[in-house]
N, C-alpha and C. Protein backbone atom coordinates (compact mmCIF):
# COMPACT_ATOMS: atom_id res chain seq x y z
N MET A 1 29.70 43.39 -298.76
CA MET A 1 28.43 43.33 -299.45
C MET A 1 27.56 42.20 -298.87
N PHE A 2 28.17 41.03 -298.69
CA PHE A 2 27.42 39.90 -298.13
C PHE A 2 27.01 40.20 -296.69
N MET A 3 27.89 40.86 -295.94
CA MET A 3 27.58 41.21 -294.56
C MET A 3 26.39 42.16 -294.48
N ASN A 4 26.34 43.13 -295.40
CA ASN A 4 25.20 44.05 -295.44
C ASN A 4 23.91 43.29 -295.75
N PHE A 5 24.00 42.32 -296.65
CA PHE A 5 22.85 41.51 -296.99
C PHE A 5 22.36 40.76 -295.75
N LEU A 6 23.28 40.14 -295.02
CA LEU A 6 22.91 39.38 -293.83
C LEU A 6 22.36 40.28 -292.73
N ARG A 7 22.97 41.43 -292.53
CA ARG A 7 22.67 42.25 -291.36
C ARG A 7 21.57 43.29 -291.59
N GLU A 8 21.24 43.61 -292.86
CA GLU A 8 20.31 44.71 -293.10
C GLU A 8 19.20 44.43 -294.09
N ASN A 9 19.36 43.48 -294.97
CA ASN A 9 18.43 43.26 -296.08
C ASN A 9 17.17 42.53 -295.62
N LYS A 10 16.01 42.98 -296.11
CA LYS A 10 14.74 42.35 -295.74
C LYS A 10 14.61 40.96 -296.36
N ILE A 11 15.12 40.77 -297.57
CA ILE A 11 15.11 39.43 -298.19
C ILE A 11 16.03 38.52 -297.38
N GLY A 12 17.16 39.05 -296.96
CA GLY A 12 18.07 38.31 -296.10
C GLY A 12 17.37 37.89 -294.81
N ALA A 13 16.56 38.79 -294.25
CA ALA A 13 15.81 38.48 -293.03
C ALA A 13 14.87 37.30 -293.27
N GLY A 14 14.26 37.25 -294.44
CA GLY A 14 13.37 36.13 -294.77
C GLY A 14 14.12 34.82 -294.87
N ILE A 15 15.27 34.84 -295.53
CA ILE A 15 16.10 33.63 -295.65
C ILE A 15 16.58 33.19 -294.27
N LEU A 16 17.01 34.16 -293.48
CA LEU A 16 17.48 33.85 -292.13
C LEU A 16 16.37 33.27 -291.27
N THR A 17 15.15 33.72 -291.50
CA THR A 17 14.01 33.19 -290.75
C THR A 17 13.83 31.71 -291.04
N VAL A 18 13.95 31.33 -292.30
CA VAL A 18 13.83 29.92 -292.66
C VAL A 18 14.94 29.10 -292.00
N LEU A 19 16.19 29.58 -292.06
CA LEU A 19 17.31 28.88 -291.42
C LEU A 19 17.10 28.80 -289.92
N ARG A 20 16.66 29.89 -289.34
CA ARG A 20 16.44 29.97 -287.89
C ARG A 20 15.38 28.98 -287.44
N ILE A 21 14.28 28.91 -288.16
CA ILE A 21 13.20 27.99 -287.79
C ILE A 21 13.64 26.54 -287.98
N TYR A 22 14.38 26.28 -289.04
CA TYR A 22 14.91 24.92 -289.28
C TYR A 22 15.78 24.48 -288.11
N LEU A 23 16.76 25.30 -287.73
CA LEU A 23 17.63 24.95 -286.61
C LEU A 23 16.85 24.91 -285.30
N GLY A 24 15.96 25.86 -285.12
CA GLY A 24 15.17 25.91 -283.89
C GLY A 24 14.33 24.67 -283.70
N TYR A 25 13.73 24.19 -284.78
CA TYR A 25 12.91 22.97 -284.69
C TYR A 25 13.78 21.78 -284.29
N ALA A 26 14.98 21.69 -284.86
CA ALA A 26 15.89 20.59 -284.52
C ALA A 26 16.27 20.64 -283.04
N TRP A 27 16.62 21.84 -282.56
CA TRP A 27 16.98 22.00 -281.15
C TRP A 27 15.78 21.68 -280.26
N PHE A 28 14.63 22.23 -280.61
CA PHE A 28 13.44 22.07 -279.78
C PHE A 28 13.03 20.61 -279.65
N THR A 29 12.99 19.89 -280.76
CA THR A 29 12.56 18.49 -280.72
C THR A 29 13.57 17.63 -279.97
N ALA A 30 14.87 17.94 -280.11
CA ALA A 30 15.89 17.18 -279.38
C ALA A 30 15.72 17.38 -277.87
N GLY A 31 15.53 18.63 -277.46
CA GLY A 31 15.36 18.91 -276.04
C GLY A 31 14.05 18.38 -275.48
N LEU A 32 12.97 18.58 -276.23
CA LEU A 32 11.66 18.14 -275.77
C LEU A 32 11.61 16.62 -275.63
N GLY A 33 12.24 15.92 -276.55
CA GLY A 33 12.29 14.46 -276.45
C GLY A 33 12.98 14.01 -275.17
N LYS A 34 14.04 14.71 -274.81
CA LYS A 34 14.75 14.37 -273.56
C LYS A 34 13.90 14.71 -272.35
N LEU A 35 13.21 15.84 -272.39
CA LEU A 35 12.36 16.23 -271.26
C LEU A 35 11.18 15.27 -271.10
N GLN A 36 10.57 14.88 -272.20
CA GLN A 36 9.40 14.00 -272.13
C GLN A 36 9.75 12.60 -271.66
N SER A 37 10.95 12.15 -272.01
CA SER A 37 11.34 10.80 -271.58
C SER A 37 11.51 10.76 -270.07
N GLY A 38 11.91 11.89 -269.50
CA GLY A 38 12.10 11.96 -268.06
C GLY A 38 13.27 11.15 -267.54
N ALA A 39 13.99 10.50 -268.43
CA ALA A 39 15.08 9.63 -268.00
C ALA A 39 16.40 10.02 -268.67
N PHE A 40 16.55 11.28 -269.04
CA PHE A 40 17.79 11.70 -269.70
C PHE A 40 18.95 11.62 -268.72
N ASP A 41 20.02 11.00 -269.16
CA ASP A 41 21.23 10.89 -268.35
C ASP A 41 22.44 11.03 -269.27
N ALA A 42 23.17 12.11 -269.09
CA ALA A 42 24.34 12.40 -269.93
C ALA A 42 25.59 11.67 -269.49
N SER A 43 25.54 10.97 -268.37
CA SER A 43 26.77 10.36 -267.84
C SER A 43 27.37 9.33 -268.79
N GLY A 44 26.55 8.55 -269.47
CA GLY A 44 27.09 7.57 -270.42
C GLY A 44 27.82 8.25 -271.57
N PHE A 45 27.22 9.30 -272.09
CA PHE A 45 27.84 10.06 -273.18
C PHE A 45 29.17 10.66 -272.73
N LEU A 46 29.17 11.26 -271.54
CA LEU A 46 30.38 11.91 -271.03
C LEU A 46 31.47 10.88 -270.71
N LYS A 47 31.09 9.77 -270.11
CA LYS A 47 32.08 8.72 -269.82
C LYS A 47 32.69 8.18 -271.11
N ASN A 48 31.87 8.02 -272.14
CA ASN A 48 32.39 7.56 -273.43
C ASN A 48 33.33 8.60 -274.05
N ALA A 49 32.99 9.88 -273.90
CA ALA A 49 33.85 10.94 -274.44
C ALA A 49 35.20 10.96 -273.73
N VAL A 50 35.20 10.63 -272.44
CA VAL A 50 36.45 10.57 -271.68
C VAL A 50 37.24 9.32 -272.07
N ALA A 51 36.55 8.18 -272.19
CA ALA A 51 37.21 6.91 -272.51
C ALA A 51 37.72 6.86 -273.95
N ASN A 52 37.02 7.55 -274.85
CA ASN A 52 37.38 7.55 -276.28
C ASN A 52 37.51 8.97 -276.79
N PRO A 53 38.54 9.68 -276.35
CA PRO A 53 38.66 11.08 -276.75
C PRO A 53 39.01 11.21 -278.24
N VAL A 54 38.77 12.39 -278.77
CA VAL A 54 39.13 12.69 -280.15
C VAL A 54 40.65 12.61 -280.25
N LYS A 55 41.12 11.85 -281.24
CA LYS A 55 42.56 11.68 -281.42
C LYS A 55 42.97 12.16 -282.80
N GLY A 56 44.17 12.70 -282.87
CA GLY A 56 44.72 13.17 -284.14
C GLY A 56 45.35 12.02 -284.90
N PRO A 57 45.92 12.31 -286.06
CA PRO A 57 46.54 11.27 -286.87
C PRO A 57 47.72 10.58 -286.18
N ASP A 58 48.33 11.27 -285.22
CA ASP A 58 49.46 10.68 -284.50
C ASP A 58 49.01 9.82 -283.32
N GLY A 59 47.69 9.74 -283.07
CA GLY A 59 47.15 8.92 -282.00
C GLY A 59 47.05 9.62 -280.66
N ASN A 60 47.47 10.86 -280.60
CA ASN A 60 47.38 11.63 -279.36
C ASN A 60 46.05 12.37 -279.26
N MET A 61 45.63 12.62 -278.00
CA MET A 61 44.40 13.38 -277.78
C MET A 61 44.53 14.77 -278.38
N VAL A 62 43.48 15.20 -279.05
CA VAL A 62 43.48 16.53 -279.65
C VAL A 62 42.97 17.57 -278.65
N TYR A 63 41.96 17.22 -277.89
CA TYR A 63 41.33 18.16 -276.96
C TYR A 63 41.49 17.67 -275.53
N GLY A 64 42.71 17.50 -275.10
CA GLY A 64 42.98 17.02 -273.75
C GLY A 64 42.37 17.91 -272.68
N TRP A 65 42.38 19.21 -272.91
CA TRP A 65 41.80 20.15 -271.96
C TRP A 65 40.30 19.90 -271.79
N TYR A 66 39.63 19.49 -272.89
CA TYR A 66 38.19 19.26 -272.81
C TYR A 66 37.90 17.96 -272.06
N VAL A 67 38.71 16.94 -272.31
CA VAL A 67 38.56 15.68 -271.58
C VAL A 67 38.77 15.93 -270.08
N ASN A 68 39.76 16.76 -269.76
CA ASN A 68 40.00 17.12 -268.35
C ASN A 68 38.78 17.84 -267.76
N PHE A 69 38.17 18.74 -268.53
CA PHE A 69 36.96 19.44 -268.08
C PHE A 69 35.84 18.44 -267.82
N LEU A 70 35.66 17.48 -268.72
CA LEU A 70 34.60 16.48 -268.53
C LEU A 70 34.84 15.64 -267.29
N GLU A 71 36.09 15.21 -267.09
CA GLU A 71 36.44 14.37 -265.93
C GLU A 71 36.33 15.12 -264.61
N SER A 72 36.86 16.34 -264.58
CA SER A 72 36.98 17.04 -263.31
C SER A 72 35.78 17.93 -262.98
N PHE A 73 34.98 18.30 -263.96
CA PHE A 73 33.85 19.18 -263.67
C PHE A 73 32.50 18.60 -264.09
N ALA A 74 32.39 18.17 -265.34
CA ALA A 74 31.08 17.73 -265.84
C ALA A 74 30.58 16.46 -265.15
N LEU A 75 31.42 15.43 -265.09
CA LEU A 75 30.97 14.18 -264.48
C LEU A 75 30.67 14.32 -262.98
N PRO A 76 31.49 15.04 -262.20
CA PRO A 76 31.11 15.21 -260.79
C PRO A 76 29.83 16.03 -260.61
N ASN A 77 29.47 16.81 -261.57
CA ASN A 77 28.25 17.63 -261.51
C ASN A 77 27.22 17.18 -262.53
N ILE A 78 27.12 15.88 -262.71
CA ILE A 78 26.26 15.33 -263.77
C ILE A 78 24.79 15.72 -263.58
N ASP A 79 24.34 15.87 -262.35
CA ASP A 79 22.94 16.26 -262.12
C ASP A 79 22.64 17.62 -262.75
N VAL A 80 23.60 18.53 -262.68
CA VAL A 80 23.42 19.86 -263.28
C VAL A 80 23.34 19.73 -264.80
N PHE A 81 24.23 18.92 -265.37
CA PHE A 81 24.24 18.75 -266.82
C PHE A 81 23.00 18.01 -267.31
N ASN A 82 22.50 17.08 -266.49
CA ASN A 82 21.26 16.38 -266.86
C ASN A 82 20.06 17.32 -266.87
N LEU A 83 20.18 18.42 -266.18
CA LEU A 83 19.14 19.44 -266.18
C LEU A 83 19.33 20.45 -267.30
N ILE A 84 20.54 20.97 -267.45
CA ILE A 84 20.74 22.06 -268.41
C ILE A 84 20.78 21.61 -269.87
N VAL A 85 21.14 20.37 -270.13
CA VAL A 85 21.17 19.93 -271.54
C VAL A 85 19.77 19.88 -272.14
N PRO A 86 18.81 19.14 -271.57
CA PRO A 86 17.48 19.13 -272.21
C PRO A 86 16.77 20.48 -272.16
N TRP A 87 16.89 21.19 -271.03
CA TRP A 87 16.25 22.51 -270.95
C TRP A 87 16.94 23.50 -271.88
N GLY A 88 18.25 23.43 -271.95
CA GLY A 88 19.00 24.31 -272.85
C GLY A 88 18.60 24.08 -274.30
N GLU A 89 18.56 22.81 -274.71
CA GLU A 89 18.16 22.51 -276.09
C GLU A 89 16.75 23.01 -276.39
N THR A 90 15.84 22.78 -275.45
CA THR A 90 14.45 23.20 -275.65
C THR A 90 14.33 24.71 -275.75
N LEU A 91 14.99 25.42 -274.84
CA LEU A 91 14.91 26.89 -274.84
C LEU A 91 15.64 27.51 -276.04
N ILE A 92 16.74 26.92 -276.45
CA ILE A 92 17.42 27.39 -277.66
C ILE A 92 16.48 27.24 -278.85
N GLY A 93 15.83 26.08 -278.93
CA GLY A 93 14.88 25.84 -280.02
C GLY A 93 13.73 26.82 -280.01
N LEU A 94 13.16 27.08 -278.85
CA LEU A 94 12.06 28.06 -278.75
C LEU A 94 12.52 29.45 -279.16
N GLY A 95 13.68 29.85 -278.66
CA GLY A 95 14.21 31.17 -279.00
C GLY A 95 14.41 31.33 -280.50
N LEU A 96 14.94 30.29 -281.14
CA LEU A 96 15.17 30.37 -282.58
C LEU A 96 13.87 30.31 -283.37
N MET A 97 12.98 29.42 -283.00
CA MET A 97 11.72 29.32 -283.75
C MET A 97 10.88 30.58 -283.63
N LEU A 98 10.85 31.16 -282.43
CA LEU A 98 10.04 32.36 -282.21
C LEU A 98 10.78 33.64 -282.59
N GLY A 99 12.07 33.54 -282.83
CA GLY A 99 12.86 34.73 -283.13
C GLY A 99 12.94 35.65 -281.93
N CYS A 100 13.06 35.07 -280.75
CA CYS A 100 13.11 35.85 -279.51
C CYS A 100 14.49 35.67 -278.87
N LEU A 101 15.20 36.80 -278.70
CA LEU A 101 16.58 36.77 -278.21
C LEU A 101 17.41 35.82 -279.09
N THR A 102 17.26 36.01 -280.38
CA THR A 102 17.83 35.11 -281.37
C THR A 102 19.34 34.98 -281.25
N THR A 103 20.05 36.09 -281.12
CA THR A 103 21.51 35.99 -281.07
C THR A 103 21.96 35.28 -279.79
N ALA A 104 21.29 35.51 -278.68
CA ALA A 104 21.63 34.81 -277.44
C ALA A 104 21.35 33.31 -277.58
N ALA A 105 20.19 32.97 -278.13
CA ALA A 105 19.85 31.57 -278.34
C ALA A 105 20.87 30.90 -279.25
N MET A 106 21.25 31.59 -280.32
CA MET A 106 22.20 30.99 -281.26
C MET A 106 23.58 30.86 -280.64
N PHE A 107 23.98 31.85 -279.84
CA PHE A 107 25.28 31.76 -279.16
C PHE A 107 25.32 30.50 -278.28
N PHE A 108 24.29 30.30 -277.47
CA PHE A 108 24.28 29.13 -276.59
C PHE A 108 24.11 27.84 -277.38
N GLY A 109 23.41 27.90 -278.52
CA GLY A 109 23.34 26.74 -279.41
C GLY A 109 24.72 26.37 -279.94
N LEU A 110 25.49 27.38 -280.32
CA LEU A 110 26.85 27.12 -280.81
C LEU A 110 27.74 26.57 -279.70
N VAL A 111 27.58 27.07 -278.48
CA VAL A 111 28.35 26.53 -277.35
C VAL A 111 28.05 25.05 -277.19
N MET A 112 26.76 24.68 -277.27
CA MET A 112 26.40 23.27 -277.13
C MET A 112 26.89 22.46 -278.32
N ASN A 113 26.78 23.01 -279.54
CA ASN A 113 27.28 22.29 -280.72
C ASN A 113 28.78 22.01 -280.59
N PHE A 114 29.53 23.01 -280.17
CA PHE A 114 30.97 22.81 -280.01
C PHE A 114 31.26 21.83 -278.88
N SER A 115 30.46 21.83 -277.84
CA SER A 115 30.65 20.87 -276.75
C SER A 115 30.47 19.44 -277.25
N PHE A 116 29.43 19.21 -278.04
CA PHE A 116 29.21 17.88 -278.61
C PHE A 116 30.35 17.52 -279.57
N PHE A 117 30.75 18.48 -280.36
CA PHE A 117 31.82 18.28 -281.34
C PHE A 117 33.14 17.94 -280.66
N LEU A 118 33.49 18.67 -279.61
CA LEU A 118 34.73 18.42 -278.88
C LEU A 118 34.72 17.06 -278.19
N ALA A 119 33.52 16.57 -277.88
CA ALA A 119 33.38 15.26 -277.25
C ALA A 119 33.46 14.14 -278.29
N GLY A 120 33.55 14.49 -279.56
CA GLY A 120 33.73 13.49 -280.61
C GLY A 120 32.49 13.15 -281.41
N THR A 121 31.39 13.85 -281.18
CA THR A 121 30.17 13.60 -281.93
C THR A 121 30.14 14.51 -283.15
N VAL A 122 30.24 13.92 -284.33
CA VAL A 122 30.21 14.74 -285.55
C VAL A 122 28.77 14.95 -285.97
N SER A 123 28.06 13.88 -286.32
CA SER A 123 26.66 13.94 -286.69
C SER A 123 26.36 15.15 -287.59
N HIS A 124 25.37 15.95 -287.24
CA HIS A 124 25.00 17.14 -288.02
C HIS A 124 25.61 18.41 -287.44
N ASN A 125 26.50 18.27 -286.46
CA ASN A 125 27.08 19.44 -285.81
C ASN A 125 27.81 20.39 -286.76
N PRO A 126 28.60 19.91 -287.72
CA PRO A 126 29.25 20.87 -288.63
C PRO A 126 28.25 21.74 -289.40
N THR A 127 27.17 21.14 -289.86
CA THR A 127 26.14 21.90 -290.57
C THR A 127 25.47 22.89 -289.63
N ASP A 128 25.15 22.44 -288.43
CA ASP A 128 24.51 23.32 -287.45
C ASP A 128 25.44 24.48 -287.08
N ILE A 129 26.73 24.20 -286.95
CA ILE A 129 27.69 25.26 -286.62
C ILE A 129 27.78 26.26 -287.76
N PHE A 130 27.85 25.78 -288.99
CA PHE A 130 27.92 26.67 -290.15
C PHE A 130 26.69 27.58 -290.22
N LEU A 131 25.50 26.98 -290.13
CA LEU A 131 24.27 27.77 -290.18
C LEU A 131 24.15 28.69 -288.96
N GLY A 132 24.60 28.20 -287.81
CA GLY A 132 24.56 28.99 -286.59
C GLY A 132 25.42 30.24 -286.69
N PHE A 133 26.59 30.12 -287.28
CA PHE A 133 27.45 31.30 -287.43
C PHE A 133 26.84 32.31 -288.40
N ILE A 134 26.13 31.83 -289.40
CA ILE A 134 25.45 32.75 -290.31
C ILE A 134 24.38 33.53 -289.53
N ILE A 135 23.60 32.83 -288.72
CA ILE A 135 22.56 33.47 -287.93
C ILE A 135 23.16 34.43 -286.91
N LEU A 136 24.21 33.99 -286.24
CA LEU A 136 24.85 34.84 -285.23
C LEU A 136 25.45 36.09 -285.86
N THR A 137 26.06 35.94 -287.02
CA THR A 137 26.66 37.06 -287.73
C THR A 137 25.60 38.07 -288.17
N ALA A 138 24.43 37.58 -288.53
CA ALA A 138 23.36 38.46 -288.99
C ALA A 138 22.81 39.33 -287.87
N GLY A 139 22.97 38.89 -286.63
CA GLY A 139 22.52 39.69 -285.50
C GLY A 139 21.01 39.91 -285.51
N PHE A 140 20.62 41.15 -285.29
CA PHE A 140 19.19 41.52 -285.17
C PHE A 140 18.38 41.09 -286.39
N ASN A 141 18.97 41.16 -287.57
CA ASN A 141 18.23 40.85 -288.79
C ASN A 141 17.72 39.40 -288.80
N ALA A 142 18.41 38.51 -288.09
CA ALA A 142 17.97 37.11 -288.03
C ALA A 142 16.65 36.97 -287.28
N GLY A 143 16.37 37.87 -286.36
CA GLY A 143 15.13 37.80 -285.60
C GLY A 143 14.14 38.88 -285.96
N ARG A 144 14.45 39.64 -287.01
CA ARG A 144 13.56 40.74 -287.41
C ARG A 144 12.15 40.26 -287.69
N ILE A 145 12.04 39.11 -288.37
CA ILE A 145 10.72 38.51 -288.61
C ILE A 145 10.49 37.53 -287.47
N GLY A 146 10.16 38.07 -286.34
CA GLY A 146 9.97 37.29 -285.13
C GLY A 146 9.76 38.23 -283.95
N LEU A 147 9.81 37.69 -282.76
CA LEU A 147 9.56 38.49 -281.57
C LEU A 147 10.65 39.52 -281.32
N ASP A 148 11.84 39.32 -281.85
CA ASP A 148 12.91 40.30 -281.68
C ASP A 148 12.53 41.67 -282.25
N HIS A 149 11.61 41.69 -283.20
CA HIS A 149 11.14 42.95 -283.77
C HIS A 149 10.62 43.88 -282.67
N TRP A 150 10.04 43.30 -281.62
CA TRP A 150 9.52 44.07 -280.50
C TRP A 150 10.40 43.96 -279.25
N VAL A 151 10.96 42.79 -279.02
CA VAL A 151 11.72 42.55 -277.79
C VAL A 151 13.01 43.34 -277.74
N VAL A 152 13.79 43.32 -278.82
CA VAL A 152 15.09 44.00 -278.82
C VAL A 152 14.95 45.51 -278.63
N PRO A 153 14.06 46.20 -279.35
CA PRO A 153 13.90 47.64 -279.06
C PRO A 153 13.45 47.92 -277.63
N PHE A 154 12.56 47.08 -277.10
CA PHE A 154 12.13 47.25 -275.71
C PHE A 154 13.31 47.11 -274.75
N LEU A 155 14.14 46.08 -274.96
CA LEU A 155 15.29 45.87 -274.08
C LEU A 155 16.29 47.02 -274.20
N ARG A 156 16.52 47.48 -275.42
CA ARG A 156 17.46 48.61 -275.61
C ARG A 156 16.95 49.86 -274.88
N LYS A 157 15.66 50.13 -275.02
CA LYS A 157 15.06 51.30 -274.37
C LYS A 157 15.15 51.17 -272.86
N THR A 158 14.83 50.01 -272.34
CA THR A 158 14.87 49.76 -270.90
C THR A 158 16.29 49.87 -270.37
N MET A 159 17.25 49.32 -271.09
CA MET A 159 18.63 49.37 -270.64
C MET A 159 19.17 50.80 -270.67
N ARG A 160 18.82 51.55 -271.69
CA ARG A 160 19.24 52.95 -271.75
C ARG A 160 18.65 53.74 -270.59
N ALA A 161 17.37 53.52 -270.32
CA ALA A 161 16.71 54.25 -269.23
C ALA A 161 17.35 53.89 -267.89
N ASN A 162 17.62 52.62 -267.67
CA ASN A 162 18.25 52.20 -266.42
C ASN A 162 19.68 52.70 -266.34
N GLY A 163 20.38 52.73 -267.45
CA GLY A 163 21.76 53.23 -267.48
C GLY A 163 21.79 54.70 -267.13
N LEU A 164 20.83 55.46 -267.63
CA LEU A 164 20.75 56.89 -267.33
C LEU A 164 20.44 57.09 -265.85
N LYS A 165 19.54 56.28 -265.30
CA LYS A 165 19.20 56.40 -263.88
C LYS A 165 20.43 56.10 -263.02
N GLU A 166 21.22 55.11 -263.40
CA GLU A 166 22.42 54.75 -262.64
C GLU A 166 23.44 55.88 -262.68
N LYS A 167 23.58 56.53 -263.84
CA LYS A 167 24.51 57.64 -263.96
C LYS A 167 24.08 58.81 -263.08
N VAL A 168 22.77 59.08 -263.04
CA VAL A 168 22.24 60.16 -262.21
C VAL A 168 22.49 59.84 -260.74
N LYS A 169 22.25 58.60 -260.33
CA LYS A 169 22.46 58.20 -258.93
C LYS A 169 23.93 58.31 -258.55
N SER A 170 24.83 57.87 -259.43
CA SER A 170 26.26 57.90 -259.11
C SER A 170 26.80 59.33 -259.09
N ALA A 171 26.17 60.22 -259.84
CA ALA A 171 26.63 61.63 -259.87
C ALA A 171 26.15 62.37 -258.63
N ALA A 172 25.10 61.89 -258.00
CA ALA A 172 24.52 62.60 -256.83
C ALA A 172 25.32 62.39 -255.57
């Protein structure tokens, strides 16, 4: 019953729009602030996450695999992360605020939220993750009052047409 409300109900779409814009604004302002400063550098954050990993009650690292990822991939490629973090946050925010490719924007928002969380930053991430899963679960209905109202049907039609063309070509 709740799933039908989230995925199909027009009142649900209105509530989801408010949640979506709230999260989108938070993502957008975080990313835009980093872009405007022009001096965003994630290396300090990542080095701290490696030096002070999340530990369980027994004192052992909980997410050793993530610390290994940060050490062996993220830090050596810090220039890439310094680019994708602010742009990612900004584009996630725009997607959510405008309701354009909402589920994709929310998926990548959740990936970033979990990345921050695994690095040991609690802050507002649990709330963002909770609201993000509600939006992601709602699917199309979360962006119904937004650009997805036009974008998603256009993409579906285009993909179907291209899929049919590919089938005709492969059959020939």
